[in-house]
Amino acid sequence: MSQIRDTFEKGEGILQLTPTWVPRPFNRPGRRLRLHPDDYFAMGMERGAIVERWFSSITHVETKGAGKYEGMSFVNVDDNPEHVILFKDFIDELGAELIGQELMEEYGTWPMYSKFYDYEMPLFHHIHHAEDACRKVGVKPKHEHYFFPKQYNQHLGKMPVSYFGFDPSVTKEEVIERLRDYTTRDTRITELSRAWRIELDTGWYTPAGVVHAPGSLCTYEPQWNSDVMAIWENVVNGEVFHYDDLSAYLPEEDKKSIERIFEVADWEKNTCADYRKRYFRRPVTEKTGEGFEQKWIVYGNDYVGGKELIVEPGASVVIEDPCAYGCVVIQGRGKLGGFDCESPTLIRYGQLTADEFFVSRPAAVKGVRIVNQSKYEPLVMLKHFGPDGHILPAQA
């Protein structure tokens, strides 16, 4: 029997994953990832600070200098950090036994991942190319959904406000004019946008093709398997971006054309008058019972779903779900199936944790027993999954 199958069977269809840290060369770390203060530059000063942690990922980071497996999750097989095995190898070997037949037939692999991203300052106004633009260069669109958990937001950063798209009164010509000046002046493109102050324990769906500048909260972000983007804002809190950032992921012959750069956007979605009504998401209770509640927190799209499970102190519950899912414990301690689980207080770079797991489809359908072993504190976990999860439609 292979070590992959042995680990899968010993865990009764549940895998324990190890922390996957991601540095970025821009912005500043928000320092809410529970990473040790000495370890934010553990991946090298030239790579920038660690500002993201990825979950259930088979996606490689599209950042200059990234290592061979950077951004990709690993499985803890025996509590020895030297013996971890790539999560993708489990998917490749186990296939439908792990993620279900529907995903294997439709995508041939696990099609999504999630992350915490944690920046002190707001991000630049940027875009993940719409479907047609991605098709031209052979990449996948990056549909994404945000949720802002209070457990990871003891402070709100410098500006807890997110920009989405452009005001409905803005014309295409106004935006193109700003993009033309990308290399000659501070274009202040967010003057054409619109913003909302972020509410904790709520979320937003951001479809591919919408320009957005997320605010300075630590954000839980289930998304499609992609790291494609282009930066439309050239000066952000004094940080300067360059034309290559604007023209990224375009065919070589289109890179010098501002019109072609502009066309990666979905203009209707960017300027719709009812943007908040379409894409803002409050939690919706899915099921509740003695000592527990499970809520939809990521829904109203065709790609990614997410739930928050809260188990009260001393309570035990068996939770059934229709699909494989990744999960992260954000508060409390207890048992998840046969595994001890706990939300860490402080993590050293390279250290193992007991807060991240992947539940196979058979285990999810059968039901996983969750036990809160605390006398006082709720056990809270966030779950993320793909389009086979019977995703709740957007609420009217």
Protein backbone atom coordinates (compact mmCIF):
# COMPACT_ATOMS: atom_id res chain seq x y z
CA MET A 1 0.00 0.00 0.00
CA SER A 2 1.36 3.45 -0.89
CA GLN A 3 1.98 6.01 1.84
CA ILE A 4 -0.65 8.25 0.26
CA ARG A 5 -3.36 5.59 0.49
CA ASP A 6 -2.21 4.54 3.96
CA THR A 7 -2.47 8.14 5.21
CA PHE A 8 -5.88 8.56 3.59
CA GLU A 9 -7.26 5.37 5.14
CA LYS A 10 -5.77 5.99 8.60
CA GLY A 11 -7.42 9.42 8.60
CA GLU A 12 -10.74 7.85 7.53
CA GLY A 13 -10.87 10.13 4.51
CA ILE A 14 -9.57 13.26 6.25
CA LEU A 15 -6.14 14.80 5.66
CA GLN A 16 -4.25 17.17 7.95
CA LEU A 17 -2.48 19.90 5.97
CA THR A 18 0.53 22.04 6.83
CA PRO A 19 0.71 25.86 6.68
CA THR A 20 1.44 27.24 3.20
CA TRP A 21 2.97 30.72 3.43
CA VAL A 22 3.18 33.17 0.52
CA PRO A 23 5.30 36.35 0.40
CA ARG A 24 4.61 39.28 -1.91
CA PRO A 25 6.98 42.10 -2.94
CA PHE A 26 4.37 44.83 -2.47
CA ASN A 27 2.39 46.48 0.34
CA ARG A 28 3.06 45.78 4.03
CA PRO A 29 2.11 42.79 6.21
CA GLY A 30 -0.98 43.26 8.36
CA ARG A 31 0.55 40.89 10.97
CA ARG A 32 -2.74 39.12 11.71
CA LEU A 33 -1.82 35.68 10.29
CA ARG A 34 -0.66 34.50 13.75
CA LEU A 35 2.81 34.08 12.31
CA HIS A 36 5.67 34.75 14.75
CA PRO A 37 6.79 38.42 14.52
CA ASP A 38 10.35 37.33 13.68
CA ASP A 39 9.23 35.21 10.71
CA TYR A 40 7.50 37.61 8.32
CA PHE A 41 10.64 37.73 6.14
CA ALA A 42 11.53 34.05 6.64
CA MET A 43 11.36 33.40 2.87
CA GLY A 44 14.00 36.03 2.12
CA MET A 45 14.11 39.81 2.20
CA GLU A 46 14.22 39.96 -1.61
CA ARG A 47 10.86 38.11 -1.77
CA GLY A 48 9.08 40.56 0.52
CA ALA A 49 7.05 39.91 3.64
CA ILE A 50 4.75 36.94 4.15
CA VAL A 51 1.27 38.38 3.69
CA GLU A 52 -0.80 35.35 2.67
CA ARG A 53 -1.53 31.81 3.81
CA TRP A 54 -3.05 29.46 1.23
CA PHE A 55 -5.37 26.52 1.95
CA SER A 56 -6.13 23.31 0.00
CA SER A 57 -4.04 24.60 -2.88
CA ILE A 58 -2.64 22.88 -5.96
CA THR A 59 -1.95 26.32 -7.50
CA HIS A 60 1.57 27.67 -7.92
CA VAL A 61 2.19 31.32 -7.02
CA GLU A 62 2.68 33.54 -10.08
CA THR A 63 5.26 35.79 -8.40
CA LYS A 64 8.83 36.32 -9.58
CA GLY A 65 11.29 34.17 -7.68
CA ALA A 66 8.73 31.71 -6.35
CA GLY A 67 10.00 28.24 -5.51
CA LYS A 68 8.94 25.09 -7.35
CA TYR A 69 6.03 24.31 -5.01
CA GLU A 70 5.34 27.76 -3.59
CA GLY A 71 1.65 28.26 -2.94
CA MET A 72 0.96 24.52 -3.05
CA SER A 73 -0.34 22.66 0.02
CA PHE A 74 1.33 19.68 1.68
CA VAL A 75 -0.13 16.88 3.80
CA ASN A 76 1.16 16.03 7.27
CA VAL A 77 1.59 12.23 7.16
CA ASP A 78 3.44 11.47 10.42
CA ASP A 79 4.02 14.74 12.33
CA ASN A 80 7.52 15.06 10.88
CA PRO A 81 7.89 18.26 8.79
CA GLU A 82 10.55 16.50 6.71
CA HIS A 83 8.11 13.82 5.52
CA VAL A 84 5.23 15.93 4.17
CA ILE A 85 3.68 14.97 0.80
CA LEU A 86 2.29 17.32 -1.82
CA PHE A 87 -1.50 17.63 -1.63
CA LYS A 88 -1.64 17.48 -5.43
CA ASP A 89 -0.04 14.02 -5.29
CA PHE A 90 -2.96 12.83 -3.16
CA ILE A 91 -5.42 14.18 -5.73
CA ASP A 92 -3.50 12.64 -8.61
CA GLU A 93 -3.39 9.20 -6.96
CA LEU A 94 -6.78 9.06 -5.24
CA GLY A 95 -8.85 11.08 -7.72
CA ALA A 96 -12.58 10.63 -7.20
CA GLU A 97 -12.01 8.76 -3.93
CA LEU A 98 -10.79 12.06 -2.53
CA ILE A 99 -12.63 14.84 -4.36
CA GLY A 100 -15.60 13.07 -5.92
CA GLN A 101 -16.52 11.88 -9.40
CA GLU A 102 -18.24 15.11 -10.44
CA LEU A 103 -15.10 17.25 -10.06
CA MET A 104 -12.91 14.62 -11.69
CA GLU A 105 -15.17 14.35 -14.73
CA GLU A 106 -15.63 18.09 -15.13
CA TYR A 107 -12.15 19.41 -14.23
CA GLY A 108 -9.85 16.42 -13.81
CA THR A 109 -8.57 17.82 -10.51
CA TRP A 110 -9.40 19.99 -7.49
CA PRO A 111 -10.44 23.30 -9.12
CA MET A 112 -10.25 25.87 -6.29
CA TYR A 113 -8.34 26.93 -3.20
CA SER A 114 -8.65 29.48 -0.44
CA LYS A 115 -6.37 31.84 1.42
CA PHE A 116 -5.99 34.41 4.14
CA TYR A 117 -4.55 37.58 2.67
CA ASP A 118 -3.37 40.11 5.19
CA TYR A 119 -2.18 43.58 4.17
CA GLU A 120 -1.83 46.64 6.38
CA MET A 121 -2.67 48.98 3.48
CA PRO A 122 -5.40 48.62 0.84
CA LEU A 123 -4.39 46.73 -2.29
CA PHE A 124 -4.03 48.40 -5.69
CA HIS A 125 -6.99 48.70 -8.06
CA HIS A 126 -6.44 45.52 -10.08
CA ILE A 127 -8.26 43.05 -12.28
CA HIS A 128 -8.42 39.31 -12.84
CA HIS A 129 -9.05 38.97 -16.56
CA ALA A 130 -12.50 38.02 -17.81
CA GLU A 131 -13.12 34.61 -19.40
CA ASP A 132 -12.44 35.58 -23.04
CA ALA A 133 -9.19 37.36 -22.17
CA CYS A 134 -7.95 34.36 -20.18
CA ARG A 135 -8.75 32.02 -23.06
CA LYS A 136 -6.44 33.99 -25.37
CA VAL A 137 -3.37 33.25 -23.24
CA GLY A 138 -4.36 29.81 -21.94
CA VAL A 139 -4.96 30.67 -18.29
CA LYS A 140 -7.97 30.30 -16.01
CA PRO A 141 -10.09 33.22 -14.80
CA LYS A 142 -9.87 34.04 -11.11
CA HIS A 143 -13.37 34.31 -9.67
CA GLU A 144 -13.05 35.06 -5.96
CA HIS A 145 -15.12 35.62 -2.85
CA TYR A 146 -14.20 37.52 0.31
CA PHE A 147 -15.21 36.97 3.94
CA PHE A 148 -13.89 39.04 6.85
CA PRO A 149 -13.71 36.89 10.02
CA LYS A 150 -13.64 38.80 13.29
CA GLN A 151 -11.29 36.19 14.77
CA TYR A 152 -8.50 37.32 12.40
CA ASN A 153 -9.19 41.06 12.55
CA GLN A 154 -8.15 42.34 15.95
CA HIS A 155 -7.30 45.54 14.07
CA LEU A 156 -8.68 46.76 10.75
CA GLY A 157 -5.49 48.03 9.10
CA LYS A 158 -5.02 51.51 7.68
CA MET A 159 -8.12 51.73 5.47
CA PRO A 160 -10.94 49.16 5.85
CA VAL A 161 -12.63 50.27 2.62
CA SER A 162 -12.85 48.33 -0.67
CA TYR A 163 -13.25 49.76 -4.17
CA PHE A 164 -15.22 47.82 -6.79
CA GLY A 165 -15.48 48.67 -10.47
CA PHE A 166 -16.36 52.20 -11.53
CA ASP A 167 -19.19 54.58 -10.77
CA PRO A 168 -22.08 54.04 -13.24
CA SER A 169 -21.60 57.61 -14.53
CA VAL A 170 -18.03 56.88 -15.66
CA THR A 171 -17.43 56.33 -19.38
CA LYS A 172 -15.06 53.89 -21.05
CA GLU A 173 -13.15 56.84 -22.49
CA GLU A 174 -12.45 58.25 -19.02
CA VAL A 175 -10.92 54.98 -17.88
CA ILE A 176 -8.88 54.53 -21.07
CA GLU A 177 -7.53 58.08 -20.68
CA ARG A 178 -6.23 57.23 -17.19
CA LEU A 179 -4.66 54.01 -18.44
CA ARG A 180 -2.91 55.91 -21.27
CA ASP A 181 -1.15 58.04 -18.64
CA TYR A 182 0.04 55.01 -16.63
CA THR A 183 3.75 55.71 -17.23
CA THR A 184 3.66 59.52 -17.09
CA ARG A 185 1.71 60.59 -13.98
CA ASP A 186 -0.18 59.42 -10.91
CA THR A 187 -3.50 58.61 -12.58
CA ARG A 188 -5.52 58.30 -9.32
CA ILE A 189 -7.83 55.86 -11.08
CA THR A 190 -9.83 55.16 -7.92
CA GLU A 191 -11.28 58.68 -8.36
CA LEU A 192 -13.50 56.96 -10.93
CA SER A 193 -14.40 54.02 -8.69
CA ARG A 194 -16.81 53.54 -5.76
CA ALA A 195 -16.11 52.10 -2.34
CA TRP A 196 -17.82 50.57 0.66
CA ARG A 197 -16.60 50.32 4.25
CA ILE A 198 -16.06 46.66 5.14
CA GLU A 199 -18.26 44.94 7.72
CA LEU A 200 -16.78 42.12 9.77
CA ASP A 201 -18.38 38.68 9.29
CA THR A 202 -19.81 39.63 5.90
CA GLY A 203 -18.43 39.15 2.39
CA TRP A 204 -18.38 40.13 -1.29
CA TYR A 205 -18.28 38.05 -4.46
CA THR A 206 -15.90 39.48 -7.08
CA PRO A 207 -16.31 37.88 -10.52
CA ALA A 208 -13.41 37.81 -12.97
CA GLY A 209 -13.36 40.96 -15.08
CA VAL A 210 -14.15 43.41 -12.25
CA VAL A 211 -11.50 45.94 -11.21
CA HIS A 212 -11.19 46.08 -7.42
CA ALA A 213 -8.98 47.41 -4.63
CA PRO A 214 -9.59 45.36 -1.45
CA GLY A 215 -9.42 47.14 1.88
CA SER A 216 -6.98 46.52 4.71
CA LEU A 217 -8.66 43.64 6.56
CA CYS A 218 -7.35 40.10 6.91
CA THR A 219 -9.58 38.33 4.40
CA TYR A 220 -10.64 34.73 3.90
CA GLU A 221 -10.79 34.26 0.12
CA PRO A 222 -12.09 31.11 -1.58
CA GLN A 223 -11.31 31.36 -5.29
CA TRP A 224 -10.87 29.54 -8.57
CA ASN A 225 -7.48 27.94 -9.36
CA SER A 226 -5.67 30.94 -10.79
CA ASP A 227 -3.24 33.70 -9.79
CA VAL A 228 -3.71 35.83 -12.92
CA MET A 229 -4.01 39.63 -12.58
CA ALA A 230 -3.07 43.05 -13.95
CA ILE A 231 -2.63 46.24 -11.91
CA TRP A 232 -4.63 49.25 -13.13
CA GLU A 233 -3.53 51.66 -10.38
CA ASN A 234 0.01 52.93 -10.89
CA VAL A 235 0.73 54.75 -7.60
CA VAL A 236 -0.61 53.23 -4.38
CA ASN A 237 0.32 54.74 -1.01
CA GLY A 238 3.55 55.97 -2.59
CA GLU A 239 4.39 52.58 -4.14
CA VAL A 240 4.92 52.81 -7.93
CA PHE A 241 3.88 50.08 -10.38
CA HIS A 242 5.06 49.71 -13.97
CA TYR A 243 3.67 49.09 -17.43
CA ASP A 244 4.47 45.37 -17.25
CA ASP A 245 2.08 45.15 -14.29
CA LEU A 246 -0.66 46.77 -16.37
CA SER A 247 -0.13 44.64 -19.49
CA ALA A 248 0.29 41.27 -17.76
CA TYR A 249 -1.33 38.12 -19.19
CA LEU A 250 -1.97 39.51 -22.66
CA PRO A 251 -0.80 38.11 -26.00
CA GLU A 252 2.53 39.72 -26.90
CA GLU A 253 1.00 41.58 -29.84
CA ASP A 254 -1.62 43.20 -27.56
CA LYS A 255 0.64 44.41 -24.76
CA LYS A 256 1.24 47.87 -26.24
CA SER A 257 -2.45 48.52 -26.91
CA ILE A 258 -4.34 50.32 -24.15
CA GLU A 259 -7.59 49.33 -25.87
CA ARG A 260 -6.66 45.63 -25.62
CA ILE A 261 -5.66 46.11 -21.97
CA PHE A 262 -9.02 47.72 -21.28
CA GLU A 263 -10.92 44.89 -22.98
CA VAL A 264 -9.97 42.35 -20.30
CA ALA A 265 -12.64 44.02 -18.13
CA ASP A 266 -16.35 43.19 -18.11
CA TRP A 267 -17.69 46.73 -18.50
CA GLU A 268 -21.30 45.89 -17.57
CA LYS A 269 -20.31 44.29 -14.27
CA ASN A 270 -17.87 47.10 -13.47
CA THR A 271 -20.47 49.83 -13.83
CA CYS A 272 -23.76 48.17 -12.85
CA ALA A 273 -25.86 50.47 -10.66
CA ASP A 274 -26.87 47.67 -8.28
CA TYR A 275 -23.36 46.36 -7.55
CA ARG A 276 -23.89 46.03 -3.80
CA LYS A 277 -27.21 44.25 -4.26
CA ARG A 278 -25.64 41.81 -6.73
CA TYR A 279 -22.42 40.98 -4.92
CA PHE A 280 -22.57 41.82 -1.21
CA ARG A 281 -23.11 38.72 0.95
CA ARG A 282 -24.37 38.44 4.53
CA PRO A 283 -24.18 35.05 6.27
CA VAL A 284 -27.24 32.82 5.80
CA THR A 285 -27.97 30.01 8.26
CA GLU A 286 -27.91 26.62 6.53
CA LYS A 287 -28.60 24.34 9.50
CA THR A 288 -28.80 24.69 13.25
CA GLY A 289 -29.37 22.40 16.19
CA GLU A 290 -28.45 21.79 19.79
CA GLY A 291 -25.04 23.37 20.33
CA PHE A 292 -24.18 24.24 16.73
CA GLU A 293 -24.94 26.45 13.73
CA GLN A 294 -23.62 26.22 10.17
CA LYS A 295 -23.90 29.30 7.93
CA TRP A 296 -23.34 30.00 4.25
CA ILE A 297 -20.69 32.71 3.98
CA VAL A 298 -19.56 32.18 0.35
CA TYR A 299 -22.42 31.74 -2.11
CA GLY A 300 -24.29 33.27 -5.02
CA ASN A 301 -21.87 32.19 -7.76
CA ASP A 302 -21.14 29.14 -9.93
CA TYR A 303 -17.57 28.47 -8.80
CA VAL A 304 -16.78 28.51 -5.07
CA GLY A 305 -18.73 28.03 -1.87
CA GLY A 306 -17.98 28.43 1.80
CA LYS A 307 -19.53 27.84 5.20
CA GLU A 308 -18.83 28.79 8.80
CA LEU A 309 -19.45 26.11 11.43
CA ILE A 310 -19.82 27.15 15.08
CA VAL A 311 -19.91 24.46 17.77
CA GLU A 312 -20.66 25.65 21.29
CA PRO A 313 -18.50 24.75 24.33
CA GLY A 314 -18.84 21.10 25.31
CA ALA A 315 -21.08 20.29 22.33
CA SER A 316 -20.65 17.50 19.77
CA VAL A 317 -22.26 17.30 16.34
CA VAL A 318 -22.05 15.15 13.21
CA ILE A 319 -22.10 17.43 10.15
CA GLU A 320 -22.89 16.10 6.69
CA ASP A 321 -21.88 18.01 3.56
CA PRO A 322 -22.42 17.06 -0.11
CA CYS A 323 -18.84 17.50 -1.34
CA ALA A 324 -15.15 17.44 -0.48
CA TYR A 325 -13.95 20.57 1.30
CA GLY A 326 -10.94 22.22 2.85
CA CYS A 327 -11.31 23.82 6.25
CA VAL A 328 -9.42 25.96 8.73
CA VAL A 329 -10.14 26.28 12.46
CA ILE A 330 -10.17 29.96 13.43
CA GLN A 331 -11.24 29.72 17.08
CA GLY A 332 -11.20 27.13 19.85
CA ARG A 333 -10.07 23.52 20.12
CA GLY A 334 -11.55 20.04 19.91
CA LYS A 335 -11.79 17.04 17.60
CA LEU A 336 -12.45 16.83 13.87
CA GLY A 337 -13.12 13.18 13.11
CA GLY A 338 -10.15 11.33 14.59
CA PHE A 339 -7.88 14.42 14.59
CA ASP A 340 -7.18 16.89 17.36
CA CYS A 341 -7.86 20.39 16.06
CA GLU A 342 -7.09 23.81 17.47
CA SER A 343 -6.71 27.38 16.36
CA PRO A 344 -3.07 28.43 16.89
CA THR A 345 -2.02 31.48 18.88
CA LEU A 346 1.45 31.89 17.34
CA ILE A 347 3.05 29.91 14.48
CA ARG A 348 6.76 29.67 13.70
CA TYR A 349 7.67 29.44 10.00
CA GLY A 350 8.03 25.74 9.15
CA GLN A 351 6.06 24.61 12.19
CA LEU A 352 3.16 22.16 11.92
CA THR A 353 -0.30 23.15 13.10
CA ALA A 354 -3.61 21.43 13.82
CA ASP A 355 -5.90 24.02 12.25
CA GLU A 356 -6.07 23.01 8.57
CA PHE A 357 -7.70 19.88 7.11
CA PHE A 358 -9.14 18.47 3.91
CA VAL A 359 -12.26 16.30 4.11
CA SER A 360 -12.86 13.84 1.27
CA ARG A 361 -16.22 13.63 -0.41
CA PRO A 362 -17.07 10.18 1.07
CA ALA A 363 -16.21 11.40 4.59
CA ALA A 364 -18.21 14.61 4.09
CA VAL A 365 -21.28 12.77 2.80
CA LYS A 366 -21.10 10.23 5.63
CA GLY A 367 -20.73 13.03 8.17
CA VAL A 368 -17.82 14.24 10.29
CA ARG A 369 -18.07 14.37 14.07
CA ILE A 370 -16.93 17.72 15.47
CA VAL A 371 -16.39 17.96 19.23
CA ASN A 372 -15.72 21.19 21.14
CA GLN A 373 -13.48 20.27 24.07
CA SER A 374 -13.44 23.73 25.62
CA LYS A 375 -15.60 24.62 28.61
CA TYR A 376 -15.85 28.25 27.58
CA GLU A 377 -14.88 29.03 23.98
CA PRO A 378 -16.79 28.23 20.75
CA LEU A 379 -15.08 26.03 18.16
CA VAL A 380 -15.29 27.87 14.83
CA MET A 381 -14.13 26.65 11.42
CA LEU A 382 -14.39 27.94 7.87
CA LYS A 383 -15.00 25.53 4.97
CA HIS A 384 -14.27 26.08 1.27
CA PHE A 385 -15.27 23.95 -1.71
CA GLY A 386 -16.05 23.91 -5.43
CA PRO A 387 -19.14 23.98 -7.65
CA ASP A 388 -20.29 20.48 -6.63
CA GLY A 389 -21.23 21.79 -3.18
CA HIS A 390 -24.84 22.72 -4.05
CA ILE A 391 -23.91 26.37 -3.65
CA LEU A 392 -26.67 28.58 -2.29
CA PRO A 393 -27.98 31.02 -4.94
CA ALA A 394 -27.76 34.75 -4.28
CA GLN A 395 -30.52 35.93 -1.95
CA ALA A 396 -33.22 38.16 -3.41
